[in-house]
Protein backbone atom coordinates (compact mmCIF):
# COMPACT_ATOMS: atom_id res chain seq x y z
CA UNK A 1 -155.88 43.20 -18.61
CA UNK A 2 -154.46 40.34 -20.68
CA UNK A 3 -157.52 40.46 -22.96
CA UNK A 4 -157.15 44.22 -23.48
CA UNK A 5 -153.45 43.84 -24.38
CA UNK A 6 -154.33 41.12 -26.90
CA UNK A 7 -157.07 43.27 -28.44
CA UNK A 8 -154.66 46.23 -28.64
CA UNK A 9 -152.17 43.99 -30.47
CA UNK A 10 -154.91 42.85 -32.86
CA UNK A 11 -155.83 46.52 -33.36
CA UNK A 12 -152.22 47.26 -34.35
CA UNK A 13 -152.16 44.37 -36.81
CA UNK A 14 -155.53 45.37 -38.26
CA UNK A 15 -154.42 48.98 -38.73
CA UNK A 16 -151.11 47.93 -40.26
CA UNK A 17 -152.94 45.90 -42.89
CA UNK A 18 -155.64 48.53 -43.41
CA UNK A 19 -153.21 51.45 -43.61
CA UNK A 20 -150.99 49.60 -46.06
CA UNK A 21 -153.60 48.00 -48.32
CA UNK A 22 -156.63 50.23 -47.71
CA UNK A 23 -158.86 47.52 -46.20
CA UNK A 24 -159.44 44.85 -43.55
CA UNK A 25 -159.38 46.85 -40.27
CA UNK A 26 -163.11 46.45 -39.70
CA UNK A 27 -163.17 42.78 -40.70
CA UNK A 28 -160.16 41.89 -38.53
CA UNK A 29 -161.18 43.92 -35.47
CA UNK A 30 -164.85 42.89 -35.59
CA UNK A 31 -163.90 39.22 -35.85
CA UNK A 32 -161.63 39.59 -32.81
CA UNK A 33 -164.42 41.20 -30.77
CA UNK A 34 -167.02 38.63 -31.79
CA UNK A 35 -164.72 35.93 -30.42
CA UNK A 36 -165.01 37.61 -26.99
CA UNK A 37 -168.77 36.93 -27.06
CA UNK A 38 -170.30 40.37 -27.66
CA UNK A 39 -173.14 40.87 -30.16
CA UNK A 40 -172.45 41.88 -33.79
CA UNK A 41 -174.11 45.30 -33.35
CA UNK A 42 -172.02 46.14 -30.27
CA UNK A 43 -168.85 44.81 -31.95
CA UNK A 44 -169.48 47.00 -35.00
CA UNK A 45 -170.16 50.01 -32.77
CA UNK A 46 -166.92 49.46 -30.81
CA UNK A 47 -164.90 49.08 -34.01
CA UNK A 48 -166.32 52.25 -35.55
CA UNK A 49 -165.74 54.25 -32.38
CA UNK A 50 -162.11 53.12 -32.29
CA UNK A 51 -161.80 53.98 -35.98
CA UNK A 52 -162.59 57.62 -35.25
CA UNK A 53 -159.14 57.82 -33.68
CA UNK A 54 -157.30 55.33 -35.88
CA UNK A 55 -158.57 56.80 -39.16
CA UNK A 56 -157.66 60.32 -38.00
CA UNK A 57 -154.13 59.14 -37.19
CA UNK A 58 -153.99 57.20 -40.45
CA UNK A 59 -155.25 60.13 -42.52
CA UNK A 60 -152.71 62.52 -40.99
CA UNK A 61 -149.93 60.00 -41.55
CA UNK A 62 -150.90 59.46 -45.20
CA UNK A 63 -151.11 63.24 -45.69
CA UNK A 64 -147.61 63.56 -44.23
CA UNK A 65 -146.25 61.09 -46.80
CA UNK A 66 -148.17 62.58 -49.75
CA UNK A 67 -150.56 59.64 -50.26
CA UNK A 68 -153.86 61.59 -50.46
CA UNK A 69 -156.00 63.03 -53.26
CA UNK A 70 -158.25 65.44 -51.35
CA UNK A 71 -160.76 65.72 -54.19
CA UNK A 72 -161.39 61.97 -53.97
CA UNK A 73 -161.61 62.21 -50.18
CA UNK A 74 -164.33 64.84 -50.36
CA UNK A 75 -166.37 63.21 -53.12
CA UNK A 76 -166.34 59.75 -51.56
CA UNK A 77 -166.23 60.64 -47.86
CA UNK A 78 -169.43 62.71 -47.54
CA UNK A 79 -171.72 60.17 -49.27
CA UNK A 80 -169.90 57.47 -47.30
CA UNK A 81 -170.84 59.23 -44.07
CA UNK A 82 -174.49 59.41 -45.13
CA UNK A 83 -174.56 55.71 -45.97
CA UNK A 84 -172.82 54.76 -42.72
CA UNK A 85 -175.19 56.82 -40.55
CA UNK A 86 -178.23 55.34 -42.29
CA UNK A 87 -176.88 51.83 -41.93
CA UNK A 88 -176.04 52.28 -38.24
CA UNK A 89 -179.35 53.85 -37.20
CA UNK A 90 -182.29 52.76 -39.31
CA UNK A 91 -181.17 49.88 -41.48
CA UNK A 92 -178.77 47.78 -39.39
CA UNK A 93 -181.67 45.65 -38.11
CA UNK A 94 -182.38 44.43 -41.64
CA UNK A 95 -180.81 41.19 -42.78
CA UNK A 96 -177.93 41.75 -45.20
CA UNK A 97 -176.72 38.14 -45.15
CA UNK A 98 -177.83 37.20 -48.66
CA UNK A 99 -176.62 40.51 -50.08
CA UNK A 100 -173.25 40.03 -48.38
CA UNK A 101 -172.74 36.77 -50.30
CA UNK A 102 -173.23 38.50 -53.64
CA UNK A 103 -170.96 41.34 -52.56
CA UNK A 104 -168.29 38.86 -51.43
CA UNK A 105 -168.46 37.04 -54.77
CA UNK A 106 -168.14 40.33 -56.67
CA UNK A 107 -165.17 41.42 -54.55
CA UNK A 108 -163.44 38.08 -55.14
CA UNK A 109 -163.73 38.67 -58.89
CA UNK A 110 -162.37 42.19 -58.42
CA UNK A 111 -159.52 40.76 -56.36
CA UNK A 112 -158.64 38.29 -59.12
CA UNK A 113 -158.73 41.09 -61.71
CA UNK A 114 -156.54 43.41 -59.61
CA UNK A 115 -154.09 40.62 -58.77
CA UNK A 116 -153.71 39.59 -62.40
CA UNK A 117 -153.39 43.16 -63.58
CA UNK A 118 -150.69 44.20 -61.13
CA UNK A 119 -148.77 40.91 -60.91
CA UNK A 120 -148.30 40.85 -64.70
CA UNK A 121 -147.09 44.44 -64.77
CA UNK A 122 -150.13 45.99 -66.49
CA UNK A 123 -150.25 49.04 -64.24
CA UNK A 124 -149.60 52.03 -66.49
CA UNK A 125 -153.29 52.81 -66.94
CA UNK A 126 -153.66 53.24 -63.20
CA UNK A 127 -152.47 56.84 -63.35
CA UNK A 128 -154.37 57.81 -66.50
CA UNK A 129 -157.52 59.93 -66.43
CA UNK A 130 -159.49 61.22 -63.47
CA UNK A 131 -162.06 59.51 -61.26
CA UNK A 132 -165.46 61.11 -61.89
CA UNK A 133 -167.75 62.46 -59.19
CA UNK A 134 -170.68 60.43 -60.58
CA UNK A 135 -168.67 57.32 -59.79
CA UNK A 136 -167.33 58.40 -56.40
CA UNK A 137 -170.64 59.55 -54.89
CA UNK A 138 -172.62 56.29 -55.29
CA UNK A 139 -169.50 54.29 -54.43
CA UNK A 140 -169.12 56.13 -51.13
CA UNK A 141 -172.82 55.73 -50.29
CA UNK A 142 -172.83 51.97 -50.90
CA UNK A 143 -169.47 51.37 -49.21
CA UNK A 144 -170.50 53.38 -46.14
CA UNK A 145 -173.78 51.48 -45.80
CA UNK A 146 -172.09 48.09 -46.13
CA UNK A 147 -169.42 49.14 -43.65
CA UNK A 148 -171.91 50.10 -40.93
CA UNK A 149 -174.22 47.13 -41.33
CA UNK A 150 -171.49 44.52 -41.68
CA UNK A 151 -168.90 45.75 -39.18
CA UNK A 152 -166.47 46.37 -42.03
CA UNK A 153 -166.45 46.76 -45.79
CA UNK A 154 -165.50 50.37 -46.48
CA UNK A 155 -161.98 49.46 -47.55
CA UNK A 156 -162.73 46.35 -49.61
CA UNK A 157 -165.51 48.07 -51.58
CA UNK A 158 -163.94 51.53 -52.00
CA UNK A 159 -160.31 50.49 -52.50
CA UNK A 160 -161.07 47.70 -54.96
CA UNK A 161 -163.46 49.87 -57.00
CA UNK A 162 -160.96 52.73 -57.24
CA UNK A 163 -158.11 50.43 -58.23
CA UNK A 164 -160.36 48.70 -60.74
CA UNK A 165 -161.26 52.06 -62.32
CA UNK A 166 -157.67 52.42 -63.52
CA UNK A 167 -157.59 56.15 -62.77
CA UNK A 168 -155.86 56.50 -59.40
CA UNK A 169 -152.42 55.31 -58.31
CA UNK A 170 -152.48 52.60 -55.60
CA UNK A 171 -150.79 54.69 -52.91
CA UNK A 172 -153.22 57.57 -53.59
CA UNK A 173 -156.11 55.10 -53.48
CA UNK A 174 -155.04 53.65 -50.13
CA UNK A 175 -154.31 57.06 -48.59
CA UNK A 176 -157.53 58.67 -49.84
CA UNK A 177 -159.74 55.76 -48.75
CA UNK A 178 -158.13 55.80 -45.29
CA UNK A 179 -158.58 59.57 -44.94
CA UNK A 180 -162.23 59.46 -46.09
CA UNK A 181 -162.89 56.66 -43.62
CA UNK A 182 -162.61 59.19 -40.79
CA UNK A 183 -165.88 60.80 -41.96
CA UNK A 184 -167.49 57.37 -42.31
CA UNK A 185 -166.37 56.32 -38.82
CA UNK A 186 -167.69 59.49 -37.19
CA UNK A 187 -171.06 59.15 -38.95
CA UNK A 188 -171.39 55.45 -38.10
CA UNK A 189 -170.39 56.06 -34.47
CA UNK A 190 -173.03 58.76 -34.09
CA UNK A 191 -175.59 56.40 -35.59
CA UNK A 192 -174.66 53.58 -33.22
CA UNK A 193 -174.69 55.88 -30.19
CA UNK A 194 -178.14 57.07 -31.25
CA UNK A 195 -179.43 53.55 -31.85
CA UNK A 196 -177.76 51.55 -29.08
CA UNK A 197 -177.14 54.10 -26.36
CA UNK A 198 -173.86 54.75 -24.55
CA UNK A 199 -174.53 52.14 -21.88
CA UNK A 200 -174.10 49.28 -24.37
CA UNK A 201 -170.69 50.37 -25.70
CA UNK A 202 -167.63 48.48 -24.30
CA UNK A 203 -165.35 51.50 -23.93
CA UNK A 204 -162.44 49.43 -22.58
CA UNK A 205 -162.35 47.46 -25.81
CA UNK A 206 -162.71 50.64 -27.85
CA UNK A 207 -159.72 52.15 -26.02
CA UNK A 208 -157.59 49.02 -26.57
CA UNK A 209 -158.33 48.98 -30.31
CA UNK A 210 -157.72 52.72 -30.51
CA UNK A 211 -154.31 52.61 -28.83
CA UNK A 212 -153.12 49.69 -30.94
CA UNK A 213 -154.35 51.25 -34.19
CA UNK A 214 -152.92 54.72 -33.55
CA UNK A 215 -149.48 53.26 -32.82
CA UNK A 216 -149.46 51.34 -36.12
CA UNK A 217 -150.87 54.10 -38.38
CA UNK A 218 -147.62 56.04 -39.09
CA UNK A 219 -145.72 52.85 -39.97
CA UNK A 220 -148.45 51.78 -42.41
CA UNK A 221 -148.46 55.18 -44.15
CA UNK A 222 -144.66 55.08 -44.45
CA UNK A 223 -144.80 51.60 -45.99
CA UNK A 224 -147.33 52.77 -48.61
CA UNK A 225 -145.03 55.63 -49.64
CA UNK A 226 -142.13 53.19 -50.10
CA UNK A 227 -143.71 50.07 -51.60
CA UNK A 228 -143.70 49.69 -55.38
CA UNK A 229 -147.02 50.21 -57.13
CA UNK A 230 -147.21 46.65 -58.44
CA UNK A 231 -146.70 45.06 -55.01
CA UNK A 232 -149.38 47.23 -53.43
CA UNK A 233 -151.82 46.03 -56.07
CA UNK A 234 -150.75 42.41 -55.61
CA UNK A 235 -151.26 42.69 -51.84
CA UNK A 236 -154.70 44.26 -52.24
CA UNK A 237 -155.74 41.49 -54.62
CA UNK A 238 -154.71 38.75 -52.18
CA UNK A 239 -156.44 40.36 -49.18
CA UNK A 240 -159.63 40.88 -51.20
CA UNK A 241 -159.73 37.26 -52.30
CA UNK A 242 -158.95 35.77 -48.87
CA UNK A 243 -161.27 37.94 -46.76
CA UNK A 244 -164.22 37.60 -49.10
CA UNK A 245 -163.62 33.89 -49.67
CA UNK A 246 -164.05 33.53 -45.91
CA UNK A 247 -167.38 35.42 -46.01
CA UNK A 248 -168.63 33.45 -49.00
CA UNK A 249 -167.63 30.04 -47.65
CA UNK A 250 -169.16 30.71 -44.22
CA UNK A 251 -172.36 31.90 -45.86
CA UNK A 252 -172.47 28.69 -47.91
CA UNK A 253 -171.91 26.75 -44.66
CA UNK A 254 -168.66 25.13 -45.80
CA UNK A 255 -166.89 23.38 -42.90
CA UNK A 256 -163.67 24.61 -41.30
CA UNK A 257 -161.55 21.95 -43.02
CA UNK A 258 -162.97 22.80 -46.43
CA UNK A 259 -162.40 26.51 -45.86
CA UNK A 260 -158.73 25.99 -45.02
CA UNK A 261 -158.26 23.88 -48.13
CA UNK A 262 -159.66 26.74 -50.20
CA UNK A 263 -157.43 29.26 -48.39
CA UNK A 264 -154.40 27.10 -49.13
CA UNK A 265 -155.32 26.89 -52.81
CA UNK A 266 -155.81 30.68 -52.96
CA UNK A 267 -152.39 31.33 -51.43
CA UNK A 268 -150.78 28.79 -53.79
CA UNK A 269 -152.46 30.45 -56.79
CA UNK A 270 -151.38 33.87 -55.54
CA UNK A 271 -147.76 32.68 -55.18
CA UNK A 272 -147.84 31.24 -58.71
CA UNK A 273 -149.19 34.47 -60.21
CA UNK A 274 -146.60 36.53 -58.33
CA UNK A 275 -143.78 34.23 -59.48
CA UNK A 276 -144.98 34.49 -63.08
CA UNK A 277 -145.27 38.25 -62.85
CA UNK A 278 -141.80 38.56 -61.30
CA UNK A 279 -140.20 36.52 -64.10
CA UNK A 280 -142.05 38.53 -66.72
CA UNK A 281 -141.00 41.80 -65.12
CA UNK A 282 -137.37 40.68 -64.92
CA UNK A 283 -137.40 39.58 -68.56
CA UNK A 284 -138.85 42.94 -69.63
CA UNK A 285 -136.13 44.74 -67.69
CA UNK A 286 -133.39 42.67 -69.34
CA UNK A 287 -134.85 43.39 -72.78
CA UNK A 288 -134.99 47.11 -72.00
CA UNK A 289 -131.40 47.10 -70.78
CA UNK A 290 -130.21 45.36 -73.96
CA UNK A 291 -132.06 47.91 -76.10
CA UNK A 292 -130.43 50.75 -74.20
CA UNK A 293 -127.00 49.15 -74.60
CA UNK A 294 -127.61 48.77 -78.35
CA UNK A 295 -128.62 52.43 -78.65
CA UNK A 296 -125.64 53.56 -76.58
CA UNK A 297 -123.25 51.38 -78.59
């Protein structure tokens, strides 16, 4: 019982991060389950089954707070479901370790770009234009495949790519990615049930993750509707860098001590960029206020 309560708490934390920043539920929950000693395939299956409920709750919550672009949901969700089903059934036995290192490196670069862009206040272009279907379809397919084979990855790939496109506001990005993830989770769960069989699924762990995630989903959606655009982008950038730095360093067989040194440097760099961006933003506001006072005078 104590283990189930702990997993439910981890599910709440994972959903709070995922529902607020559009990523990291799968990575956080899968890591927690792997610690309990179950195999990666079973851990990924349990996480995706729990996500059927958590993503539904998250999508409804984001819809309630006006955080969803349904066109984006449709164009990214359906291909995402196809990729997830394929990854869970036929392709999950293939090794994706080397590919995951390249993906992690790419996502780190995207995280740095997003962090720099939002922390320095260069966010106006985020709401200009419209995300094209030719971009959303392949993005959903790749993100869904990576998500099913790696136990997580839908959010990091889809959210970072949409933010990097400069054509969708952060809160709409987070809400739409979370809503589309329901389709991905259903497709991946069906694939895992087909490939693994029901007897191999730890339903007690699925239930614990589900309860914890559903309880946290409304709070996460509310936070997205209230947080300023720039701080959402800054948060996404940090999570992208940290989570993918972990994947990259483990793949390169860097020791635990070395990894924590890198994490500390990343957080220090993040704090420095945020401090710089805050000062720059405050200075711009003071300049604008003086100009308004001059015009009024």
